[in-house]
Amino acid sequence: MVQAWYMGDLSADDDQRLPHKTEPFEELSLDQLKERTGCLYWKIEDEDVENSPLVEKIRQERGYNYKDVITVSPDKLENYETKVSAERESLI
């Protein structure tokens, strides 16, 4: 299940991996997320994401001529802490 919500205020020292939900909690539906940000979501259950028929269908329908698969995990992503921190900075 996917959940999207408005984030509360963050300081530079906050751990960006925590939820940082607002109080009171304001959840967004996937339709609201798409309308407000253009962010799309697909649930891909294939173990072999690189060769997933659904990924290929999405690429064809949306006219994508590339694909990248990135596993964001400390044991899979080199320099995990640095990259996660850099991504947070690009979103703020």
PDB file of N, CA and C in Angstrom:
ATOM      1  N   MET A   1       0.837  -1.178   0.000  1.00  0.00           N
ATOM      2  CA  MET A   1       0.000   0.000   0.000  1.00  0.00           C
ATOM      3  C   MET A   1       0.881   1.242   0.000  1.00  0.00           C
ATOM      4  N   VAL A   2       0.492   2.215  -0.765  1.00  0.00           N
ATOM      5  CA  VAL A   2       1.231   3.468  -0.855  1.00  0.00           C
ATOM      6  C   VAL A   2       0.471   4.530  -0.095  1.00  0.00           C
ATOM      7  N   GLN A   3       1.224   5.385   0.575  1.00  0.00           N
ATOM      8  CA  GLN A   3       0.631   6.501   1.295  1.00  0.00           C
ATOM      9  C   GLN A   3       1.372   7.763   0.911  1.00  0.00           C
ATOM     10  N   ALA A   4       0.635   8.846   0.705  1.00  0.00           N
ATOM     11  CA  ALA A   4       1.238  10.149   0.412  1.00  0.00           C
ATOM     12  C   ALA A   4       0.638  11.160   1.376  1.00  0.00           C
ATOM     13  N   TRP A   5       1.465  12.100   1.848  1.00  0.00           N
ATOM     14  CA  TRP A   5       0.977  13.093   2.800  1.00  0.00           C
ATOM     15  C   TRP A   5       1.798  14.364   2.710  1.00  0.00           C
ATOM     16  N   TYR A   6       1.231  15.432   3.247  1.00  0.00           N
ATOM     17  CA  TYR A   6       1.975  16.678   3.368  1.00  0.00           C
ATOM     18  C   TYR A   6       2.998  16.501   4.473  1.00  0.00           C
ATOM     19  N   MET A   7       4.193  17.002   4.237  1.00  0.00           N
ATOM     20  CA  MET A   7       5.256  16.889   5.236  1.00  0.00           C
ATOM     21  C   MET A   7       5.262  18.108   6.139  1.00  0.00           C
ATOM     22  N   GLY A   8       5.610  17.867   7.407  1.00  0.00           N
ATOM     23  CA  GLY A   8       5.802  18.958   8.344  1.00  0.00           C
ATOM     24  C   GLY A   8       7.138  19.634   8.069  1.00  0.00           C
ATOM     25  N   ASP A   9       7.421  20.687   8.815  1.00  0.00           N
ATOM     26  CA  ASP A   9       8.678  21.420   8.645  1.00  0.00           C
ATOM     27  C   ASP A   9       9.871  20.549   9.018  1.00  0.00           C
ATOM     28  N   LEU A  10      10.965  20.720   8.288  1.00  0.00           N
ATOM     29  CA  LEU A  10      12.198  19.979   8.546  1.00  0.00           C
ATOM     30  C   LEU A  10      13.327  20.957   8.802  1.00  0.00           C
ATOM     31  N   SER A  11      14.213  20.561   9.687  1.00  0.00           N
ATOM     32  CA  SER A  11      15.447  21.326   9.855  1.00  0.00           C
ATOM     33  C   SER A  11      16.564  20.548   9.173  1.00  0.00           C
ATOM     34  N   ALA A  12      17.704  21.183   9.024  1.00  0.00           N
ATOM     35  CA  ALA A  12      18.839  20.535   8.352  1.00  0.00           C
ATOM     36  C   ALA A  12      19.300  19.292   9.101  1.00  0.00           C
ATOM     37  N   ASP A  13      19.039  19.226  10.401  1.00  0.00           N
ATOM     38  CA  ASP A  13      19.494  18.096  11.212  1.00  0.00           C
ATOM     39  C   ASP A  13      18.485  16.951  11.286  1.00  0.00           C
ATOM     40  N   ASP A  14      17.276  17.154  10.771  1.00  0.00           N
ATOM     41  CA  ASP A  14      16.255  16.108  10.836  1.00  0.00           C
ATOM     42  C   ASP A  14      16.617  14.937   9.931  1.00  0.00           C
ATOM     43  N   ASP A  15      16.265  13.743  10.363  1.00  0.00           N
ATOM     44  CA  ASP A  15      16.466  12.542   9.548  1.00  0.00           C
ATOM     45  C   ASP A  15      15.358  12.496   8.495  1.00  0.00           C
ATOM     46  N   GLN A  16      15.710  12.741   7.248  1.00  0.00           N
ATOM     47  CA  GLN A  16      14.714  12.830   6.185  1.00  0.00           C
ATOM     48  C   GLN A  16      14.041  11.503   5.883  1.00  0.00           C
ATOM     49  N   ARG A  17      14.554  10.410   6.427  1.00  0.00           N
ATOM     50  CA  ARG A  17      13.931   9.111   6.186  1.00  0.00           C
ATOM     51  C   ARG A  17      12.713   8.878   7.072  1.00  0.00           C
ATOM     52  N   LEU A  18      12.532   9.722   8.086  1.00  0.00           N
ATOM     53  CA  LEU A  18      11.369   9.612   8.956  1.00  0.00           C
ATOM     54  C   LEU A  18      10.149  10.216   8.258  1.00  0.00           C
ATOM     55  N   PRO A  19       8.944   9.875   8.682  1.00  0.00           N
ATOM     56  CA  PRO A  19       7.741  10.313   7.966  1.00  0.00           C
ATOM     57  C   PRO A  19       7.476  11.823   7.964  1.00  0.00           C
ATOM     58  N   HIS A  20       7.774  12.534   9.043  1.00  0.00           N
ATOM     59  CA  HIS A  20       7.545  13.985   9.139  1.00  0.00           C
ATOM     60  C   HIS A  20       6.129  14.368   8.729  1.00  0.00           C
ATOM     61  N   LYS A  21       5.150  13.679   9.298  1.00  0.00           N
ATOM     62  CA  LYS A  21       3.747  13.964   8.998  1.00  0.00           C
ATOM     63  C   LYS A  21       3.295  15.219   9.739  1.00  0.00           C
ATOM     64  N   THR A  22       2.358  15.940   9.129  1.00  0.00           N
ATOM     65  CA  THR A  22       1.809  17.133   9.769  1.00  0.00           C
ATOM     66  C   THR A  22       0.879  16.729  10.901  1.00  0.00           C
ATOM     67  N   GLU A  23       0.640  17.649  11.793  1.00  0.00           N
ATOM     68  CA  GLU A  23      -0.319  17.437  12.882  1.00  0.00           C
ATOM     69  C   GLU A  23      -1.347  18.546  12.789  1.00  0.00           C
ATOM     70  N   PRO A  24      -2.585  18.321  12.442  1.00  0.00           N
ATOM     71  CA  PRO A  24      -3.161  16.999  12.192  1.00  0.00           C
ATOM     72  C   PRO A  24      -2.684  16.424  10.857  1.00  0.00           C
ATOM     73  N   PHE A  25      -2.703  15.125  10.795  1.00  0.00           N
ATOM     74  CA  PHE A  25      -2.233  14.385   9.623  1.00  0.00           C
ATOM     75  C   PHE A  25      -3.090  14.703   8.404  1.00  0.00           C
ATOM     76  N   GLU A  26      -2.444  15.044   7.274  1.00  0.00           N
ATOM     77  CA  GLU A  26      -3.146  15.331   6.019  1.00  0.00           C
ATOM     78  C   GLU A  26      -2.659  14.376   4.938  1.00  0.00           C
ATOM     79  N   GLU A  27      -3.460  13.365   4.662  1.00  0.00           N
ATOM     80  CA  GLU A  27      -3.111  12.385   3.636  1.00  0.00           C
ATOM     81  C   GLU A  27      -3.632  12.838   2.277  1.00  0.00           C
ATOM     82  N   LEU A  28      -2.921  12.476   1.222  1.00  0.00           N
ATOM     83  CA  LEU A  28      -3.364  12.731  -0.150  1.00  0.00           C
ATOM     84  C   LEU A  28      -3.679  11.404  -0.809  1.00  0.00           C
ATOM     85  N   SER A  29      -4.715  11.379  -1.625  1.00  0.00           N
ATOM     86  CA  SER A  29      -4.990  10.190  -2.433  1.00  0.00           C
ATOM     87  C   SER A  29      -3.999  10.192  -3.601  1.00  0.00           C
ATOM     88  N   LEU A  30      -3.871   9.073  -4.273  1.00  0.00           N
ATOM     89  CA  LEU A  30      -2.978   9.022  -5.429  1.00  0.00           C
ATOM     90  C   LEU A  30      -3.466   9.942  -6.540  1.00  0.00           C
ATOM     91  N   ASP A  31      -4.789  10.114  -6.666  1.00  0.00           N
ATOM     92  CA  ASP A  31      -5.326  11.057  -7.658  1.00  0.00           C
ATOM     93  C   ASP A  31      -4.940  12.495  -7.312  1.00  0.00           C
ATOM     94  N   GLN A  32      -5.029  12.859  -6.024  1.00  0.00           N
ATOM     95  CA  GLN A  32      -4.631  14.206  -5.601  1.00  0.00           C
ATOM     96  C   GLN A  32      -3.138  14.424  -5.839  1.00  0.00           C
ATOM     97  N   LEU A  33      -2.342  13.410  -5.549  1.00  0.00           N
ATOM     98  CA  LEU A  33      -0.900  13.507  -5.766  1.00  0.00           C
ATOM     99  C   LEU A  33      -0.600  13.771  -7.237  1.00  0.00           C
ATOM    100  N   LYS A  34      -1.275  13.054  -8.118  1.00  0.00           N
ATOM    101  CA  LYS A  34      -1.090  13.243  -9.564  1.00  0.00           C
ATOM    102  C   LYS A  34      -1.523  14.642  -9.986  1.00  0.00           C
ATOM    103  N   GLU A  35      -2.702  15.076  -9.529  1.00  0.00           N
ATOM    104  CA  GLU A  35      -3.220  16.397  -9.904  1.00  0.00           C
ATOM    105  C   GLU A  35      -2.313  17.527  -9.423  1.00  0.00           C
ATOM    106  N   ARG A  36      -1.801  17.408  -8.215  1.00  0.00           N
ATOM    107  CA  ARG A  36      -1.044  18.507  -7.602  1.00  0.00           C
ATOM    108  C   ARG A  36       0.432  18.507  -7.950  1.00  0.00           C
ATOM    109  N   THR A  37       0.980  17.335  -8.264  1.00  0.00           N
ATOM    110  CA  THR A  37       2.431  17.275  -8.492  1.00  0.00           C
ATOM    111  C   THR A  37       2.825  16.655  -9.827  1.00  0.00           C
ATOM    112  N   GLY A  38       1.900  15.950 -10.469  1.00  0.00           N
ATOM    113  CA  GLY A  38       2.242  15.239 -11.699  1.00  0.00           C
ATOM    114  C   GLY A  38       2.900  13.895 -11.433  1.00  0.00           C
ATOM    115  N   CYS A  39       3.013  13.507 -10.168  1.00  0.00           N
ATOM    116  CA  CYS A  39       3.644  12.239  -9.791  1.00  0.00           C
ATOM    117  C   CYS A  39       2.686  11.084 -10.074  1.00  0.00           C
ATOM    118  N   LEU A  40       3.175  10.089 -10.789  1.00  0.00           N
ATOM    119  CA  LEU A  40       2.377   8.915 -11.125  1.00  0.00           C
ATOM    120  C   LEU A  40       2.885   7.712 -10.344  1.00  0.00           C
ATOM    121  N   TYR A  41       2.018   6.734 -10.130  1.00  0.00           N
ATOM    122  CA  TYR A  41       2.366   5.557  -9.349  1.00  0.00           C
ATOM    123  C   TYR A  41       1.839   4.308 -10.037  1.00  0.00           C
ATOM    124  N   TRP A  42       2.687   3.316 -10.133  1.00  0.00           N
ATOM    125  CA  TRP A  42       2.289   1.988 -10.581  1.00  0.00           C
ATOM    126  C   TRP A  42       2.854   0.990  -9.587  1.00  0.00           C
ATOM    127  N   LYS A  43       2.110  -0.032  -9.278  1.00  0.00           N
ATOM    128  CA  LYS A  43       2.621  -1.107  -8.430  1.00  0.00           C
ATOM    129  C   LYS A  43       3.130  -2.204  -9.350  1.00  0.00           C
ATOM    130  N   ILE A  44       4.419  -2.461  -9.279  1.00  0.00           N
ATOM    131  CA  ILE A  44       5.053  -3.466 -10.135  1.00  0.00           C
ATOM    132  C   ILE A  44       5.469  -4.626  -9.244  1.00  0.00           C
ATOM    133  N   GLU A  45       4.810  -5.738  -9.416  1.00  0.00           N
ATOM    134  CA  GLU A  45       5.043  -6.880  -8.535  1.00  0.00           C
ATOM    135  C   GLU A  45       6.011  -7.897  -9.112  1.00  0.00           C
ATOM    136  N   ASP A  46       6.476  -7.683 -10.327  1.00  0.00           N
ATOM    137  CA  ASP A  46       7.410  -8.619 -10.942  1.00  0.00           C
ATOM    138  C   ASP A  46       8.735  -8.597 -10.191  1.00  0.00           C
ATOM    139  N   GLU A  47       9.283  -9.777  -9.904  1.00  0.00           N
ATOM    140  CA  GLU A  47      10.586  -9.831  -9.248  1.00  0.00           C
ATOM    141  C   GLU A  47      11.683  -9.291 -10.157  1.00  0.00           C
ATOM    142  N   ASP A  48      11.558  -9.523 -11.430  1.00  0.00           N
ATOM    143  CA  ASP A  48      12.541  -9.057 -12.403  1.00  0.00           C
ATOM    144  C   ASP A  48      12.036  -7.748 -13.020  1.00  0.00           C
ATOM    145  N   VAL A  49      12.211  -6.656 -12.290  1.00  0.00           N
ATOM    146  CA  VAL A  49      11.699  -5.352 -12.724  1.00  0.00           C
ATOM    147  C   VAL A  49      12.297  -4.949 -14.065  1.00  0.00           C
ATOM    148  N   GLU A  50      13.555  -5.261 -14.286  1.00  0.00           N
ATOM    149  CA  GLU A  50      14.231  -4.887 -15.536  1.00  0.00           C
ATOM    150  C   GLU A  50      13.497  -5.427 -16.766  1.00  0.00           C
ATOM    151  N   ASN A  51      12.877  -6.596 -16.633  1.00  0.00           N
ATOM    152  CA  ASN A  51      12.212  -7.233 -17.767  1.00  0.00           C
ATOM    153  C   ASN A  51      10.700  -7.339 -17.579  1.00  0.00           C
ATOM    154  N   SER A  52      10.143  -6.489 -16.746  1.00  0.00           N
ATOM    155  CA  SER A  52       8.717  -6.525 -16.440  1.00  0.00           C
ATOM    156  C   SER A  52       7.874  -6.113 -17.647  1.00  0.00           C
ATOM    157  N   PRO A  53       6.862  -6.912 -18.002  1.00  0.00           N
ATOM    158  CA  PRO A  53       5.954  -6.512 -19.078  1.00  0.00           C
ATOM    159  C   PRO A  53       5.231  -5.201 -18.753  1.00  0.00           C
ATOM    160  N   LEU A  54       4.906  -4.972 -17.483  1.00  0.00           N
ATOM    161  CA  LEU A  54       4.237  -3.725 -17.107  1.00  0.00           C
ATOM    162  C   LEU A  54       5.157  -2.526 -17.312  1.00  0.00           C
ATOM    163  N   VAL A  55       6.421  -2.660 -16.951  1.00  0.00           N
ATOM    164  CA  VAL A  55       7.375  -1.563 -17.165  1.00  0.00           C
ATOM    165  C   VAL A  55       7.493  -1.272 -18.656  1.00  0.00           C
ATOM    166  N   GLU A  56       7.564  -2.311 -19.460  1.00  0.00           N
ATOM    167  CA  GLU A  56       7.652  -2.119 -20.914  1.00  0.00           C
ATOM    168  C   GLU A  56       6.393  -1.440 -21.451  1.00  0.00           C
ATOM    169  N   LYS A  57       5.230  -1.837 -20.955  1.00  0.00           N
ATOM    170  CA  LYS A  57       3.966  -1.220 -21.379  1.00  0.00           C
ATOM    171  C   LYS A  57       3.950   0.269 -21.011  1.00  0.00           C
ATOM    172  N   ILE A  58       4.377   0.603 -19.809  1.00  0.00           N
ATOM    173  CA  ILE A  58       4.428   2.005 -19.371  1.00  0.00           C
ATOM    174  C   ILE A  58       5.380   2.791 -20.265  1.00  0.00           C
ATOM    175  N   ARG A  59       6.551   2.227 -20.542  1.00  0.00           N
ATOM    176  CA  ARG A  59       7.529   2.895 -21.415  1.00  0.00           C
ATOM    177  C   ARG A  59       6.928   3.181 -22.787  1.00  0.00           C
ATOM    178  N   GLN A  60       6.255   2.192 -23.366  1.00  0.00           N
ATOM    179  CA  GLN A  60       5.659   2.357 -24.692  1.00  0.00           C
ATOM    180  C   GLN A  60       4.547   3.407 -24.670  1.00  0.00           C
ATOM    181  N   GLU A  61       3.640   3.298 -23.697  1.00  0.00           N
ATOM    182  CA  GLU A  61       2.506   4.225 -23.619  1.00  0.00           C
ATOM    183  C   GLU A  61       2.946   5.669 -23.389  1.00  0.00           C
ATOM    184  N   ARG A  62       4.011   5.866 -22.629  1.00  0.00           N
ATOM    185  CA  ARG A  62       4.447   7.216 -22.273  1.00  0.00           C
ATOM    186  C   ARG A  62       5.573   7.725 -23.171  1.00  0.00           C
ATOM    187  N   GLY A  63       6.027   6.884 -24.103  1.00  0.00           N
ATOM    188  CA  GLY A  63       7.060   7.305 -25.039  1.00  0.00           C
ATOM    189  C   GLY A  63       8.446   7.416 -24.425  1.00  0.00           C
ATOM    190  N   TYR A  64       8.695   6.656 -23.359  1.00  0.00           N
ATOM    191  CA  TYR A  64      10.021   6.663 -22.735  1.00  0.00           C
ATOM    192  C   TYR A  64      10.959   5.781 -23.553  1.00  0.00           C
ATOM    193  N   ASN A  65      12.171   6.240 -23.801  1.00  0.00           N
ATOM    194  CA  ASN A  65      13.133   5.420 -24.538  1.00  0.00           C
ATOM    195  C   ASN A  65      14.301   5.000 -23.646  1.00  0.00           C
ATOM    196  N   TYR A  66      14.101   5.057 -22.349  1.00  0.00           N
ATOM    197  CA  TYR A  66      15.142   4.700 -21.390  1.00  0.00           C
ATOM    198  C   TYR A  66      14.478   4.090 -20.159  1.00  0.00           C
ATOM    199  N   LYS A  67      15.272   3.474 -19.305  1.00  0.00           N
ATOM    200  CA  LYS A  67      14.791   3.049 -17.993  1.00  0.00           C
ATOM    201  C   LYS A  67      15.990   2.843 -17.085  1.00  0.00           C
ATOM    202  N   ASP A  68      15.795   3.165 -15.838  1.00  0.00           N
ATOM    203  CA  ASP A  68      16.793   2.940 -14.802  1.00  0.00           C
ATOM    204  C   ASP A  68      16.103   2.235 -13.649  1.00  0.00           C
ATOM    205  N   VAL A  69      16.783   1.309 -13.028  1.00  0.00           N
ATOM    206  CA  VAL A  69      16.283   0.656 -11.827  1.00  0.00           C
ATOM    207  C   VAL A  69      17.284   0.957 -10.723  1.00  0.00           C
ATOM    208  N   ILE A  70      16.798   1.601  -9.668  1.00  0.00           N
ATOM    209  CA  ILE A  70      17.660   1.964  -8.549  1.00  0.00           C
ATOM    210  C   ILE A  70      17.049   1.393  -7.278  1.00  0.00           C
ATOM    211  N   THR A  71      17.812   0.617  -6.540  1.00  0.00           N
ATOM    212  CA  THR A  71      17.370   0.101  -5.256  1.00  0.00           C
ATOM    213  C   THR A  71      17.965   0.994  -4.177  1.00  0.00           C
ATOM    214  N   VAL A  72      17.102   1.738  -3.494  1.00  0.00           N
ATOM    215  CA  VAL A  72      17.557   2.670  -2.462  1.00  0.00           C
ATOM    216  C   VAL A  72      17.566   1.918  -1.138  1.00  0.00           C
ATOM    217  N   SER A  73      18.745   1.425  -0.804  1.00  0.00           N
ATOM    218  CA  SER A  73      18.935   0.603   0.383  1.00  0.00           C
ATOM    219  C   SER A  73      20.401   0.710   0.790  1.00  0.00           C
ATOM    220  N   PRO A  74      20.690   0.775   2.091  1.00  0.00           N
ATOM    221  CA  PRO A  74      22.089   0.898   2.520  1.00  0.00           C
ATOM    222  C   PRO A  74      22.991  -0.210   1.981  1.00  0.00           C
ATOM    223  N   ASP A  75      22.466  -1.422   1.826  1.00  0.00           N
ATOM    224  CA  ASP A  75      23.307  -2.524   1.358  1.00  0.00           C
ATOM    225  C   ASP A  75      23.359  -2.640  -0.163  1.00  0.00           C
ATOM    226  N   LYS A  76      22.576  -1.848  -0.883  1.00  0.00           N
ATOM    227  CA  LYS A  76      22.560  -1.929  -2.347  1.00  0.00           C
ATOM    228  C   LYS A  76      23.082  -0.675  -3.040  1.00  0.00           C
ATOM    229  N   LEU A  77      22.999   0.483  -2.383  1.00  0.00           N
ATOM    230  CA  LEU A  77      23.347   1.753  -3.011  1.00  0.00           C
ATOM    231  C   LEU A  77      24.648   2.292  -2.420  1.00  0.00           C
ATOM    232  N   GLU A  78      25.663   2.389  -3.270  1.00  0.00           N
ATOM    233  CA  GLU A  78      26.958   2.912  -2.841  1.00  0.00           C
ATOM    234  C   GLU A  78      26.791   4.351  -2.347  1.00  0.00           C
ATOM    235  N   ASN A  79      27.464   4.686  -1.250  1.00  0.00           N
ATOM    236  CA  ASN A  79      27.376   6.022  -0.639  1.00  0.00           C
ATOM    237  C   ASN A  79      25.935   6.390  -0.296  1.00  0.00           C
ATOM    238  N   TYR A  80      25.221   5.442   0.259  1.00  0.00           N
ATOM    239  CA  TYR A  80      23.798   5.591   0.572  1.00  0.00           C
ATOM    240  C   TYR A  80      23.493   6.875   1.341  1.00  0.00           C
ATOM    241  N   GLU A  81      24.156   7.101   2.464  1.00  0.00           N
ATOM    242  CA  GLU A  81      23.853   8.270   3.307  1.00  0.00           C
ATOM    243  C   GLU A  81      24.041   9.572   2.543  1.00  0.00           C
ATOM    244  N   THR A  82      25.119   9.685   1.791  1.00  0.00           N
ATOM    245  CA  THR A  82      25.393  10.900   1.024  1.00  0.00           C
ATOM    246  C   THR A  82      24.329  11.111  -0.045  1.00  0.00           C
ATOM    247  N   LYS A  83      23.969  10.050  -0.754  1.00  0.00           N
ATOM    248  CA  LYS A  83      22.986  10.181  -1.828  1.00  0.00           C
ATOM    249  C   LYS A  83      21.592  10.487  -1.293  1.00  0.00           C
ATOM    250  N   VAL A  84      21.218   9.875  -0.172  1.00  0.00           N
ATOM    251  CA  VAL A  84      19.911  10.151   0.417  1.00  0.00           C
ATOM    252  C   VAL A  84      19.857  11.597   0.900  1.00  0.00           C
ATOM    253  N   SER A  85      20.928  12.085   1.505  1.00  0.00           N
ATOM    254  CA  SER A  85      20.979  13.478   1.961  1.00  0.00           C
ATOM    255  C   SER A  85      20.933  14.436   0.781  1.00  0.00           C
ATOM    256  N   ALA A  86      21.636  14.125  -0.286  1.00  0.00           N
ATOM    257  CA  ALA A  86      21.644  14.984  -1.473  1.00  0.00           C
ATOM    258  C   ALA A  86      20.259  15.038  -2.097  1.00  0.00           C
ATOM    259  N   GLU A  87      19.546  13.923  -2.118  1.00  0.00           N
ATOM    260  CA  GLU A  87      18.189  13.902  -2.680  1.00  0.00           C
ATOM    261  C   GLU A  87      17.266  14.782  -1.856  1.00  0.00           C
ATOM    262  N   ARG A  88      17.407  14.742  -0.553  1.00  0.00           N
ATOM    263  CA  ARG A  88      16.585  15.592   0.311  1.00  0.00           C
ATOM    264  C   ARG A  88      16.826  17.056  -0.025  1.00  0.00           C
ATOM    265  N   GLU A  89      18.083  17.433  -0.187  1.00  0.00           N
ATOM    266  CA  GLU A  89      18.409  18.824  -0.505  1.00  0.00           C
ATOM    267  C   GLU A  89      17.788  19.247  -1.833  1.00  0.00           C
ATOM    268  N   SER A  90      17.746  18.347  -2.799  1.00  0.00           N
ATOM    269  CA  SER A  90      17.185  18.712  -4.105  1.00  0.00           C
ATOM    270  C   SER A  90      15.672  18.873  -4.042  1.00  0.00           C
ATOM    271  N   LEU A  91      15.028  18.247  -3.055  1.00  0.00           N
ATOM    272  CA  LEU A  91      13.575  18.342  -2.929  1.00  0.00           C
ATOM    273  C   LEU A  91      13.126  19.564  -2.143  1.00  0.00           C
ATOM    274  N   ILE A  92      13.992  20.111  -1.315  1.00  0.00           N
ATOM    275  CA  ILE A  92      13.602  21.247  -0.458  1.00  0.00           C
ATOM    276  C   ILE A  92      13.575  22.537  -1.201  1.00  0.00           C
TER     277      ILE A  92
END
